[in-house]
Amino acid sequence: MPIPMAVASFNKRVTNRLTRPFAAHVPGFAVVVHRGRSSGRLYRTPVNALHRDDAYLFVMTYGPDVDWVRNVEAAGECDIETRGRTVNLAEPRRFIDPHRRAMPPPVRIILRLIDVDEFMVMHTT
């Protein structure tokens, strides 16, 4: 069960604005740059991300029914800003991992406590 949507709404309006400037430089975070499905507007959403080989793994903290996930899936690609560079990603694929095996042990503990087990993986282009 992801974090409640009331928290997601607050974070979208307040926390994301505060974290966006540094999320692209902090390990374990990235800024997903994506276009609105209907509006075509460009959005920048801070997310938890982990680099693995030629892919990036994203924690879907609020579940799959959030705008950035829907926009990325509709487009089939996005850019992310991470560690001071921009990376193009494609082939978004959602999955559930109840054991959170792809995450480092300390992150697994936190995700277990907040009951998050949904992820998205995308590959570099």
C-alpha atoms as a PDB file:
ATOM      1  CA  MET A   1       0.000   0.000   0.000  1.00  0.00           C
ATOM      2  CA  PRO A   2       1.652   3.235  -1.111  1.00  0.00           C
ATOM      3  CA  ILE A   3       1.751   6.476   0.828  1.00  0.00           C
ATOM      4  CA  PRO A   4      -1.739   8.117   0.945  1.00  0.00           C
ATOM      5  CA  MET A   5      -2.677  10.486  -1.868  1.00  0.00           C
ATOM      6  CA  ALA A   6      -3.219  13.342   0.608  1.00  0.00           C
ATOM      7  CA  VAL A   7       0.510  13.197   1.353  1.00  0.00           C
ATOM      8  CA  ALA A   8       1.259  12.971  -2.373  1.00  0.00           C
ATOM      9  CA  SER A   9      -0.845  16.057  -3.028  1.00  0.00           C
ATOM     10  CA  PHE A  10       0.958  18.029  -0.316  1.00  0.00           C
ATOM     11  CA  ASN A  11       4.349  16.901  -1.612  1.00  0.00           C
ATOM     12  CA  LYS A  12       3.420  17.812  -5.180  1.00  0.00           C
ATOM     13  CA  ARG A  13       2.522  21.372  -4.148  1.00  0.00           C
ATOM     14  CA  VAL A  14       5.079  22.001  -1.413  1.00  0.00           C
ATOM     15  CA  THR A  15       7.862  19.450  -0.904  1.00  0.00           C
ATOM     16  CA  ASN A  16       8.663  18.926  -4.603  1.00  0.00           C
ATOM     17  CA  ARG A  17       9.209  22.655  -5.068  1.00  0.00           C
ATOM     18  CA  LEU A  18      11.696  22.630  -2.208  1.00  0.00           C
ATOM     19  CA  THR A  19      13.570  19.474  -3.252  1.00  0.00           C
ATOM     20  CA  ARG A  20      13.641  19.975  -7.038  1.00  0.00           C
ATOM     21  CA  PRO A  21      16.748  22.230  -7.038  1.00  0.00           C
ATOM     22  CA  PHE A  22      18.978  19.663  -5.321  1.00  0.00           C
ATOM     23  CA  ALA A  23      17.304  16.296  -6.073  1.00  0.00           C
ATOM     24  CA  ALA A  24      19.243  16.033  -9.341  1.00  0.00           C
ATOM     25  CA  HIS A  25      22.519  16.057  -7.395  1.00  0.00           C
ATOM     26  CA  VAL A  26      21.789  13.857  -4.356  1.00  0.00           C
ATOM     27  CA  PRO A  27      22.527  10.097  -4.515  1.00  0.00           C
ATOM     28  CA  GLY A  28      19.338   8.036  -4.536  1.00  0.00           C
ATOM     29  CA  PHE A  29      17.302  10.819  -6.142  1.00  0.00           C
ATOM     30  CA  ALA A  30      16.630  12.130  -9.630  1.00  0.00           C
ATOM     31  CA  VAL A  31      14.344  14.602 -11.344  1.00  0.00           C
ATOM     32  CA  VAL A  32      12.112  13.013 -13.978  1.00  0.00           C
ATOM     33  CA  VAL A  33      11.521  15.401 -16.893  1.00  0.00           C
ATOM     34  CA  HIS A  34       8.277  14.410 -18.620  1.00  0.00           C
ATOM     35  CA  ARG A  35       5.501  15.877 -20.792  1.00  0.00           C
ATOM     36  CA  GLY A  36       1.857  16.022 -19.786  1.00  0.00           C
ATOM     37  CA  ARG A  37      -0.285  13.537 -21.694  1.00  0.00           C
ATOM     38  CA  SER A  38      -2.960  16.110 -22.536  1.00  0.00           C
ATOM     39  CA  SER A  39      -1.349  19.488 -21.973  1.00  0.00           C
ATOM     40  CA  GLY A  40       2.030  18.777 -23.543  1.00  0.00           C
ATOM     41  CA  ARG A  41       3.490  20.851 -20.711  1.00  0.00           C
ATOM     42  CA  LEU A  42       6.967  19.963 -19.464  1.00  0.00           C
ATOM     43  CA  TYR A  43       7.114  18.784 -15.835  1.00  0.00           C
ATOM     44  CA  ARG A  44      10.021  18.101 -13.480  1.00  0.00           C
ATOM     45  CA  THR A  45       9.267  15.649 -10.668  1.00  0.00           C
ATOM     46  CA  PRO A  46      11.766  14.659  -7.936  1.00  0.00           C
ATOM     47  CA  VAL A  47      11.769  10.895  -7.337  1.00  0.00           C
ATOM     48  CA  ASN A  48      13.770   8.154  -5.630  1.00  0.00           C
ATOM     49  CA  ALA A  49      15.982   6.474  -8.227  1.00  0.00           C
ATOM     50  CA  LEU A  50      18.725   3.878  -8.220  1.00  0.00           C
ATOM     51  CA  HIS A  51      21.192   3.284 -11.067  1.00  0.00           C
ATOM     52  CA  ARG A  52      21.707  -0.383 -11.974  1.00  0.00           C
ATOM     53  CA  ASP A  53      23.918  -1.306 -14.963  1.00  0.00           C
ATOM     54  CA  ASP A  54      22.197   0.219 -18.035  1.00  0.00           C
ATOM     55  CA  ALA A  55      18.940   0.897 -16.189  1.00  0.00           C
ATOM     56  CA  TYR A  56      17.390   3.079 -13.525  1.00  0.00           C
ATOM     57  CA  LEU A  57      15.017   1.754 -10.916  1.00  0.00           C
ATOM     58  CA  PHE A  58      12.345   4.086  -9.524  1.00  0.00           C
ATOM     59  CA  VAL A  59      10.464   3.623  -6.284  1.00  0.00           C
ATOM     60  CA  MET A  60       6.767   4.272  -6.863  1.00  0.00           C
ATOM     61  CA  THR A  61       6.234   5.711  -3.408  1.00  0.00           C
ATOM     62  CA  TYR A  62       2.675   6.852  -4.187  1.00  0.00           C
ATOM     63  CA  GLY A  63       1.757   3.895  -6.380  1.00  0.00           C
ATOM     64  CA  PRO A  64       1.303   3.722 -10.156  1.00  0.00           C
ATOM     65  CA  ASP A  65      -1.608   6.166 -10.466  1.00  0.00           C
ATOM     66  CA  VAL A  66       0.385   9.384 -10.330  1.00  0.00           C
ATOM     67  CA  ASP A  67       0.958  11.831 -13.157  1.00  0.00           C
ATOM     68  CA  TRP A  68       4.670  11.271 -13.704  1.00  0.00           C
ATOM     69  CA  VAL A  69       4.185   7.492 -14.061  1.00  0.00           C
ATOM     70  CA  ARG A  70       1.250   7.866 -16.453  1.00  0.00           C
ATOM     71  CA  ASN A  71       3.076  10.496 -18.525  1.00  0.00           C
ATOM     72  CA  VAL A  72       6.243   8.409 -18.825  1.00  0.00           C
ATOM     73  CA  GLU A  73       4.284   5.283 -19.757  1.00  0.00           C
ATOM     74  CA  ALA A  74       2.267   7.174 -22.380  1.00  0.00           C
ATOM     75  CA  ALA A  75       5.418   8.647 -23.941  1.00  0.00           C
ATOM     76  CA  GLY A  76       7.468   5.457 -23.574  1.00  0.00           C
ATOM     77  CA  GLU A  77      10.441   7.556 -22.508  1.00  0.00           C
ATOM     78  CA  CYS A  78      11.667  10.451 -20.400  1.00  0.00           C
ATOM     79  CA  ASP A  79      14.800  12.262 -19.367  1.00  0.00           C
ATOM     80  CA  ILE A  80      16.120  12.265 -15.857  1.00  0.00           C
ATOM     81  CA  GLU A  81      18.513  14.673 -14.238  1.00  0.00           C
ATOM     82  CA  THR A  82      20.776  12.859 -11.840  1.00  0.00           C
ATOM     83  CA  ARG A  83      24.151  13.608 -10.305  1.00  0.00           C
ATOM     84  CA  GLY A  84      24.455  16.736 -12.412  1.00  0.00           C
ATOM     85  CA  ARG A  85      23.774  15.169 -15.826  1.00  0.00           C
ATOM     86  CA  THR A  86      20.814  14.396 -18.075  1.00  0.00           C
ATOM     87  CA  VAL A  87      20.069  10.795 -19.093  1.00  0.00           C
ATOM     88  CA  ASN A  88      17.477   9.664 -21.641  1.00  0.00           C
ATOM     89  CA  LEU A  89      15.511   6.583 -20.598  1.00  0.00           C
ATOM     90  CA  ALA A  90      13.023   4.376 -22.443  1.00  0.00           C
ATOM     91  CA  GLU A  91      10.984   1.192 -22.121  1.00  0.00           C
ATOM     92  CA  PRO A  92       9.228   1.891 -18.812  1.00  0.00           C
ATOM     93  CA  ARG A  93       8.143  -1.291 -17.068  1.00  0.00           C
ATOM     94  CA  ARG A  94       6.311  -1.499 -13.754  1.00  0.00           C
ATOM     95  CA  PHE A  95       6.730  -4.407 -11.377  1.00  0.00           C
ATOM     96  CA  ILE A  96       5.957  -5.451  -7.831  1.00  0.00           C
ATOM     97  CA  ASP A  97       8.695  -6.831  -5.595  1.00  0.00           C
ATOM     98  CA  PRO A  98       7.308  -7.731  -2.147  1.00  0.00           C
ATOM     99  CA  HIS A  99      10.852  -8.465  -0.910  1.00  0.00           C
ATOM    100  CA  ARG A 100      12.339  -5.260  -2.399  1.00  0.00           C
ATOM    101  CA  ARG A 101      15.428  -7.211  -3.486  1.00  0.00           C
ATOM    102  CA  ALA A 102      16.658  -4.583  -5.946  1.00  0.00           C
ATOM    103  CA  MET A 103      17.040  -2.052  -3.147  1.00  0.00           C
ATOM    104  CA  PRO A 104      19.986  -1.769  -0.743  1.00  0.00           C
ATOM    105  CA  PRO A 105      19.224  -3.244   2.717  1.00  0.00           C
ATOM    106  CA  PRO A 106      18.689   0.103   4.533  1.00  0.00           C
ATOM    107  CA  VAL A 107      16.222   1.215   1.843  1.00  0.00           C
ATOM    108  CA  ARG A 108      14.399  -2.131   2.031  1.00  0.00           C
ATOM    109  CA  ILE A 109      13.730  -1.513   5.716  1.00  0.00           C
ATOM    110  CA  ILE A 110      12.229   1.923   5.075  1.00  0.00           C
ATOM    111  CA  LEU A 111      10.129   0.674   2.161  1.00  0.00           C
ATOM    112  CA  ARG A 112       8.888  -2.241   4.257  1.00  0.00           C
ATOM    113  CA  LEU A 113       7.897   0.152   7.071  1.00  0.00           C
ATOM    114  CA  ILE A 114       5.852   2.311   4.687  1.00  0.00           C
ATOM    115  CA  ASP A 115       4.621  -0.774   2.784  1.00  0.00           C
ATOM    116  CA  VAL A 116       5.916   0.226  -0.659  1.00  0.00           C
ATOM    117  CA  ASP A 117       6.737  -2.610  -3.057  1.00  0.00           C
ATOM    118  CA  GLU A 118       5.992  -1.121  -6.492  1.00  0.00           C
ATOM    119  CA  PHE A 119       8.780  -0.043  -8.831  1.00  0.00           C
ATOM    120  CA  MET A 120       9.428   1.085 -12.391  1.00  0.00           C
ATOM    121  CA  VAL A 121      12.536   0.260 -14.384  1.00  0.00           C
ATOM    122  CA  MET A 122      13.746   2.079 -17.523  1.00  0.00           C
ATOM    123  CA  HIS A 123      16.814   1.539 -19.666  1.00  0.00           C
ATOM    124  CA  THR A 124      19.256   4.119 -20.979  1.00  0.00           C
ATOM    125  CA  THR A 125      19.065   4.847 -24.683  1.00  0.00           C
END
